[in-house]
Structures are given as C-alpha cells and as structure tokens.
Amino acid sequence: MSQNSVGTTSELKARLNSETAKIGWHDLQKHYAAGNVMAVSGNVDLIQVAVAFHQDDRGQVESWLANSTLFEVDDQQALDWHINNTEHWAVVIPPFVLVQEVKPKGV
C-alpha cells in the first residue's frame, strides 16, 4: 500500500479508474504465482478497494478481509479461472493486483 501526491480522493478515483482494465486470467497467472493477486467480491466497487489500499486504510482492508469482500485467491479458484480464462477487471496497487470478475451482461 502506498501514497503518492494525489490531491483529492476524487482525483485518485479518476486516476485509478483510468488505470483499470479488463484482463483474462491467463495474463494474471504470473502475478498469482508470485502471491500478489487479491480478489474483490462483486458486492463492492473495485476502485473503492483500490483507494483504501492506496491510502493505507488498514482498518477498512482488514474489515473486507474479515467478511471475505476481499480475499486471497485459492488454488481451486485459480484453476477454475484458468480453465475458463475468466475475464477480470484489474488495477495495480503495488505490490498487489486487485481483481474482480467481470459480470456477465444482464447481471
């Protein structure tokens, strides 16, 4: 978790949003193998989580970890995503890559 000289939270959100992209799991595997991938459940905004990481909001991050809103990807989940080359939204907050499954259209 790091802090840069980003003015306001809204500027930070805009910057992180512009740095977020869709990526298939196959392209994320090397980051998973290095232990750097954290997954975000679909019930919270990925950018909100990225902001908390960037601002080193330990209490919020720990809360999300405790209720599984934020979680480490286990081997079975990684295998399922590999088999399907599941597409994710991803944003990098060094050293982590935060990922969230892309919701199918209409969901």
C-alpha atoms as a PDB file:
ATOM      1  CA  MET A   1       0.000   0.000   0.000  1.00  0.00           C
ATOM      2  CA  SER A   2       1.405   3.329  -0.964  1.00  0.00           C
ATOM      3  CA  GLN A   3       0.667   7.017  -1.021  1.00  0.00           C
ATOM      4  CA  ASN A   4       1.502   9.392  -3.849  1.00  0.00           C
ATOM      5  CA  SER A   5       0.949  13.096  -4.189  1.00  0.00           C
ATOM      6  CA  VAL A   6      -2.603  12.778  -5.422  1.00  0.00           C
ATOM      7  CA  GLY A   7      -4.720  15.790  -4.490  1.00  0.00           C
ATOM      8  CA  THR A   8      -8.235  14.711  -3.676  1.00  0.00           C
ATOM      9  CA  THR A   9      -9.947  11.381  -3.297  1.00  0.00           C
ATOM     10  CA  SER A  10     -11.991  12.133  -6.410  1.00  0.00           C
ATOM     11  CA  GLU A  11      -8.774  12.743  -8.392  1.00  0.00           C
ATOM     12  CA  LEU A  12      -7.361   9.485  -7.040  1.00  0.00           C
ATOM     13  CA  LYS A  13     -10.535   7.610  -8.013  1.00  0.00           C
ATOM     14  CA  ALA A  14     -10.397   9.087 -11.508  1.00  0.00           C
ATOM     15  CA  ARG A  15      -6.746   8.120 -11.910  1.00  0.00           C
ATOM     16  CA  LEU A  16      -7.290   4.572 -10.632  1.00  0.00           C
ATOM     17  CA  ASN A  17     -10.349   4.197 -12.838  1.00  0.00           C
ATOM     18  CA  SER A  18      -8.270   5.179 -15.873  1.00  0.00           C
ATOM     19  CA  GLU A  19      -5.647   2.588 -14.867  1.00  0.00           C
ATOM     20  CA  THR A  20      -8.221  -0.224 -14.568  1.00  0.00           C
ATOM     21  CA  ALA A  21      -8.559  -2.666 -17.448  1.00  0.00           C
ATOM     22  CA  LYS A  22     -10.140  -5.966 -18.386  1.00  0.00           C
ATOM     23  CA  ILE A  23      -7.708  -8.853 -18.483  1.00  0.00           C
ATOM     24  CA  GLY A  24      -8.020 -12.618 -18.848  1.00  0.00           C
ATOM     25  CA  TRP A  25      -6.867 -14.893 -16.049  1.00  0.00           C
ATOM     26  CA  HIS A  26      -4.125 -16.407 -18.231  1.00  0.00           C
ATOM     27  CA  ASP A  27      -2.405 -12.997 -18.232  1.00  0.00           C
ATOM     28  CA  LEU A  28      -2.753 -12.741 -14.435  1.00  0.00           C
ATOM     29  CA  GLN A  29      -1.261 -16.143 -13.603  1.00  0.00           C
ATOM     30  CA  LYS A  30       2.313 -14.892 -13.122  1.00  0.00           C
ATOM     31  CA  HIS A  31       1.058 -12.359 -10.569  1.00  0.00           C
ATOM     32  CA  TYR A  32      -0.969 -15.086  -8.831  1.00  0.00           C
ATOM     33  CA  ALA A  33       2.108 -17.339  -8.740  1.00  0.00           C
ATOM     34  CA  ALA A  34       4.038 -14.520  -7.068  1.00  0.00           C
ATOM     35  CA  GLY A  35       1.312 -14.201  -4.414  1.00  0.00           C
ATOM     36  CA  ASN A  36       0.312 -10.701  -5.467  1.00  0.00           C
ATOM     37  CA  VAL A  37      -3.309 -11.164  -6.562  1.00  0.00           C
ATOM     38  CA  MET A  38      -6.132 -10.192  -4.235  1.00  0.00           C
ATOM     39  CA  ALA A  39      -9.727 -10.702  -5.359  1.00  0.00           C
ATOM     40  CA  VAL A  40     -12.604  -8.348  -4.682  1.00  0.00           C
ATOM     41  CA  SER A  41     -16.144  -9.709  -4.452  1.00  0.00           C
ATOM     42  CA  GLY A  42     -18.823  -8.331  -6.726  1.00  0.00           C
ATOM     43  CA  ASN A  43     -20.660  -6.537  -3.928  1.00  0.00           C
ATOM     44  CA  VAL A  44     -18.110  -3.718  -3.574  1.00  0.00           C
ATOM     45  CA  ASP A  45     -16.595  -1.279  -6.035  1.00  0.00           C
ATOM     46  CA  LEU A  46     -13.097  -2.293  -7.142  1.00  0.00           C
ATOM     47  CA  ILE A  47     -11.988   1.342  -7.202  1.00  0.00           C
ATOM     48  CA  GLN A  48     -13.171   1.834  -3.611  1.00  0.00           C
ATOM     49  CA  VAL A  49     -10.938  -1.061  -2.552  1.00  0.00           C
ATOM     50  CA  ALA A  50      -8.026   0.311  -4.590  1.00  0.00           C
ATOM     51  CA  VAL A  51      -8.424   3.702  -2.903  1.00  0.00           C
ATOM     52  CA  ALA A  52      -8.335   2.055   0.540  1.00  0.00           C
ATOM     53  CA  PHE A  53      -5.127   0.207  -0.414  1.00  0.00           C
ATOM     54  CA  HIS A  54      -3.568   3.377  -1.822  1.00  0.00           C
ATOM     55  CA  GLN A  55      -4.463   5.379   1.286  1.00  0.00           C
ATOM     56  CA  ASP A  56      -3.233   2.569   3.549  1.00  0.00           C
ATOM     57  CA  ASP A  57      -6.652   2.299   5.232  1.00  0.00           C
ATOM     58  CA  ARG A  58      -5.708  -0.755   7.263  1.00  0.00           C
ATOM     59  CA  GLY A  59      -8.971  -0.863   9.239  1.00  0.00           C
ATOM     60  CA  GLN A  60     -11.128  -0.951   6.108  1.00  0.00           C
ATOM     61  CA  VAL A  61      -8.906  -3.523   4.377  1.00  0.00           C
ATOM     62  CA  GLU A  62      -8.945  -5.750   7.468  1.00  0.00           C
ATOM     63  CA  SER A  63     -12.734  -5.447   7.626  1.00  0.00           C
ATOM     64  CA  TRP A  64     -13.072  -6.525   3.994  1.00  0.00           C
ATOM     65  CA  LEU A  65     -10.702  -9.438   4.612  1.00  0.00           C
ATOM     66  CA  ALA A  66     -12.714 -10.494   7.659  1.00  0.00           C
ATOM     67  CA  ASN A  67     -16.017 -10.590   5.760  1.00  0.00           C
ATOM     68  CA  SER A  68     -14.493 -12.036   2.551  1.00  0.00           C
ATOM     69  CA  THR A  69     -15.256  -8.954   0.482  1.00  0.00           C
ATOM     70  CA  LEU A  70     -11.512  -9.002  -0.196  1.00  0.00           C
ATOM     71  CA  PHE A  71      -9.805 -12.373  -0.334  1.00  0.00           C
ATOM     72  CA  GLU A  72      -6.721 -14.272  -1.395  1.00  0.00           C
ATOM     73  CA  VAL A  73      -7.344 -16.419  -4.441  1.00  0.00           C
ATOM     74  CA  ASP A  74      -7.045 -20.087  -3.530  1.00  0.00           C
ATOM     75  CA  ASP A  75      -5.744 -22.786  -5.857  1.00  0.00           C
ATOM     76  CA  GLN A  76      -9.196 -24.127  -6.751  1.00  0.00           C
ATOM     77  CA  GLN A  77     -10.478 -20.673  -7.704  1.00  0.00           C
ATOM     78  CA  ALA A  78      -7.325 -20.044  -9.746  1.00  0.00           C
ATOM     79  CA  LEU A  79      -7.810 -23.377 -11.536  1.00  0.00           C
ATOM     80  CA  ASP A  80     -11.453 -22.589 -12.333  1.00  0.00           C
ATOM     81  CA  TRP A  81     -10.469 -19.173 -13.673  1.00  0.00           C
ATOM     82  CA  HIS A  82      -7.650 -20.781 -15.688  1.00  0.00           C
ATOM     83  CA  ILE A  83      -9.937 -23.380 -17.276  1.00  0.00           C
ATOM     84  CA  ASN A  84     -12.393 -20.669 -18.329  1.00  0.00           C
ATOM     85  CA  ASN A  85      -9.785 -17.902 -18.850  1.00  0.00           C
ATOM     86  CA  THR A  86     -12.182 -15.794 -16.814  1.00  0.00           C
ATOM     87  CA  GLU A  87     -12.065 -12.099 -17.594  1.00  0.00           C
ATOM     88  CA  HIS A  88     -11.416  -9.695 -14.715  1.00  0.00           C
ATOM     89  CA  TRP A  89     -11.241  -6.027 -14.056  1.00  0.00           C
ATOM     90  CA  ALA A  90      -7.770  -5.384 -12.660  1.00  0.00           C
ATOM     91  CA  VAL A  91      -5.919  -2.467 -11.105  1.00  0.00           C
ATOM     92  CA  VAL A  92      -2.388  -2.450  -9.731  1.00  0.00           C
ATOM     93  CA  ILE A  93      -1.648  -1.044  -6.285  1.00  0.00           C
ATOM     94  CA  PRO A  94       1.962  -2.204  -5.843  1.00  0.00           C
ATOM     95  CA  PRO A  95       2.766  -4.862  -4.929  1.00  0.00           C
ATOM     96  CA  PHE A  96      -0.808  -6.087  -5.372  1.00  0.00           C
ATOM     97  CA  VAL A  97      -3.008  -6.672  -8.362  1.00  0.00           C
ATOM     98  CA  LEU A  98      -6.631  -6.275  -7.299  1.00  0.00           C
ATOM     99  CA  VAL A  99      -9.049  -8.245  -9.473  1.00  0.00           C
ATOM    100  CA  GLN A 100     -12.801  -8.526  -9.774  1.00  0.00           C
ATOM    101  CA  GLU A 101     -14.625 -10.898 -12.092  1.00  0.00           C
ATOM    102  CA  VAL A 102     -16.330  -9.188 -14.996  1.00  0.00           C
ATOM    103  CA  LYS A 103     -20.064  -9.614 -14.545  1.00  0.00           C
ATOM    104  CA  PRO A 104     -21.841 -11.226 -17.490  1.00  0.00           C
ATOM    105  CA  LYS A 105     -24.106  -8.905 -19.466  1.00  0.00           C
ATOM    106  CA  GLY A 106     -27.552  -8.570 -17.909  1.00  0.00           C
ATOM    107  CA  VAL A 107     -26.418  -9.396 -14.368  1.00  0.00           C
END
